[in-house]
Amino acid sequence: MNKRIQQSLKTLKTFVDLLQNNRAAFSETAWQNLPKLYQEIAPMPDDSAVEAARAINAWCREQKHVPLRDALESAATRKEVEDIKPTDPEQERTIKENVLLVKNTLQNAINPATPASGQP
């Protein structure tokens, strides 16, 4: 797996982790602007890890929220991504899984599922 794809996967995994486990990294404005990011990423092909990571990084810069940008950069440098050879069919699967995970996590963050009535 080349370095650019590897770094992109780190960005995707880190962003998902922040959305799921560190919502405090997002300002209220950033949270309200998640639909804009989703609209940009949703139509991307599922094998577009580099483009999705670029969109996330650009969106984070636009938010001008230093804790979010710092959290993304700091966590991405620590995040491990399995090195898969470019000729390995697993590479395409891994890329698609991560792009889909970002899309689904963004969609869930924007429109959280509400429990059915009568459910706790």
Protein backbone atom coordinates (compact mmCIF):
# COMPACT_ATOMS: atom_id res chain seq x y z
CA MET A 1 0.00 0.00 0.00
CA ASN A 2 1.52 3.31 -0.94
CA LYS A 3 2.15 6.02 1.65
CA ARG A 4 -0.57 8.34 0.32
CA ILE A 5 -3.27 5.68 0.62
CA GLN A 6 -1.93 4.62 4.00
CA GLN A 7 -2.05 8.20 5.33
CA SER A 8 -5.53 8.64 3.87
CA LEU A 9 -6.77 5.53 5.67
CA LYS A 10 -5.29 6.86 8.91
CA THR A 11 -7.21 10.11 8.41
CA LEU A 12 -10.46 8.25 7.69
CA LYS A 13 -10.11 5.93 10.69
CA THR A 14 -9.15 8.80 12.98
CA PHE A 15 -12.07 10.95 11.87
CA VAL A 16 -14.51 8.09 12.48
CA ASP A 17 -12.98 7.53 15.90
CA LEU A 18 -13.37 11.23 16.77
CA LEU A 19 -17.00 11.24 15.62
CA GLN A 20 -17.82 8.14 17.62
CA ASN A 21 -15.70 8.62 20.74
CA ASN A 22 -14.59 12.24 21.09
CA ARG A 23 -17.44 14.52 20.15
CA ALA A 24 -15.93 17.18 22.41
CA ALA A 25 -13.28 17.69 19.71
CA PHE A 26 -16.03 19.22 17.54
CA SER A 27 -17.26 22.74 18.13
CA GLU A 28 -21.00 23.35 17.92
CA THR A 29 -20.46 25.06 14.57
CA ALA A 30 -18.39 22.15 13.26
CA TRP A 31 -21.12 19.75 14.35
CA GLN A 32 -23.72 21.84 12.51
CA ASN A 33 -21.50 21.82 9.41
CA LEU A 34 -21.20 18.03 9.23
CA PRO A 35 -23.95 17.84 6.57
CA LYS A 36 -21.74 19.88 4.22
CA LEU A 37 -18.94 17.35 4.61
CA TYR A 38 -21.36 14.47 4.14
CA GLN A 39 -22.72 16.05 0.93
CA GLU A 40 -19.19 16.22 -0.41
CA ILE A 41 -18.17 12.67 0.55
CA ALA A 42 -21.44 10.78 -0.05
CA PRO A 43 -21.29 10.82 -3.87
CA MET A 44 -17.62 9.78 -3.97
CA PRO A 45 -16.88 6.27 -5.21
CA ASP A 46 -16.26 3.82 -2.37
CA ASP A 47 -12.63 3.41 -3.45
CA SER A 48 -11.81 7.12 -3.10
CA ALA A 49 -9.89 7.08 0.19
CA VAL A 50 -7.46 9.81 -0.85
CA GLU A 51 -10.23 12.13 -2.03
CA ALA A 52 -12.33 11.49 1.10
CA ALA A 53 -9.33 12.20 3.35
CA ARG A 54 -8.63 15.41 1.44
CA ALA A 55 -12.25 16.47 1.90
CA ILE A 56 -12.06 15.77 5.64
CA ASN A 57 -8.82 17.71 6.02
CA ALA A 58 -10.18 20.67 4.02
CA TRP A 59 -13.41 20.64 6.03
CA CYS A 60 -11.46 20.62 9.30
CA ARG A 61 -9.40 23.61 8.13
CA GLU A 62 -12.61 25.45 7.16
CA GLN A 63 -14.01 24.96 10.66
CA LYS A 64 -11.12 26.96 12.13
CA HIS A 65 -11.55 24.90 15.28
CA VAL A 66 -8.02 24.20 16.47
CA PRO A 67 -8.90 21.36 18.91
CA LEU A 68 -10.54 19.38 16.08
CA ARG A 69 -7.65 19.90 13.68
CA ASP A 70 -5.10 19.09 16.39
CA ALA A 71 -7.02 16.00 17.50
CA LEU A 72 -7.20 14.73 13.92
CA GLU A 73 -3.52 15.36 13.21
CA SER A 74 -2.32 13.98 16.54
CA ALA A 75 -4.41 10.82 16.41
CA ALA A 76 -3.62 10.20 12.75
CA THR A 77 0.10 10.14 13.49
CA ARG A 78 -0.46 7.45 16.13
CA LYS A 79 -3.06 5.38 14.26
CA GLU A 80 -1.72 2.16 12.79
CA VAL A 81 -2.85 0.95 9.41
CA GLU A 82 -2.01 -2.52 8.24
CA ASP A 83 0.42 -2.41 5.33
CA ILE A 84 -1.15 -4.27 2.42
CA LYS A 85 0.68 -4.76 -0.86
CA PRO A 86 -0.88 -2.83 -3.79
CA THR A 87 -1.33 -6.09 -5.69
CA ASP A 88 -3.20 -7.70 -2.81
CA PRO A 89 -6.99 -7.87 -3.40
CA GLU A 90 -7.39 -6.99 0.29
CA GLN A 91 -6.24 -3.44 -0.45
CA GLU A 92 -9.34 -2.58 -2.46
CA ARG A 93 -11.60 -4.14 0.16
CA THR A 94 -9.87 -2.26 2.99
CA ILE A 95 -10.17 1.06 1.16
CA LYS A 96 -13.85 0.54 0.34
CA GLU A 97 -14.67 -0.53 3.90
CA ASN A 98 -13.09 2.61 5.34
CA VAL A 99 -14.73 5.03 2.90
CA LEU A 100 -18.11 3.39 3.56
CA LEU A 101 -17.46 3.58 7.31
CA VAL A 102 -16.86 7.34 7.05
CA LYS A 103 -20.04 7.82 5.01
CA ASN A 104 -22.14 5.77 7.42
CA THR A 105 -20.66 7.37 10.53
CA LEU A 106 -21.24 10.85 9.15
CA GLN A 107 -24.81 9.98 8.24
CA ASN A 108 -25.43 8.56 11.73
CA ALA A 109 -23.89 11.62 13.38
CA ILE A 110 -26.13 13.93 11.35
CA ASN A 111 -29.29 11.83 11.71
CA PRO A 112 -28.92 9.70 14.83
CA ALA A 113 -31.28 6.79 15.03
CA THR A 114 -34.09 7.40 17.46
CA PRO A 115 -35.39 4.51 19.53
CA ALA A 116 -38.87 3.27 18.69
CA SER A 117 -41.60 4.62 20.91
CA GLY A 118 -41.88 2.72 24.15
CA GLN A 119 -38.21 1.73 23.95
CA PRO A 120 -35.73 3.11 26.50
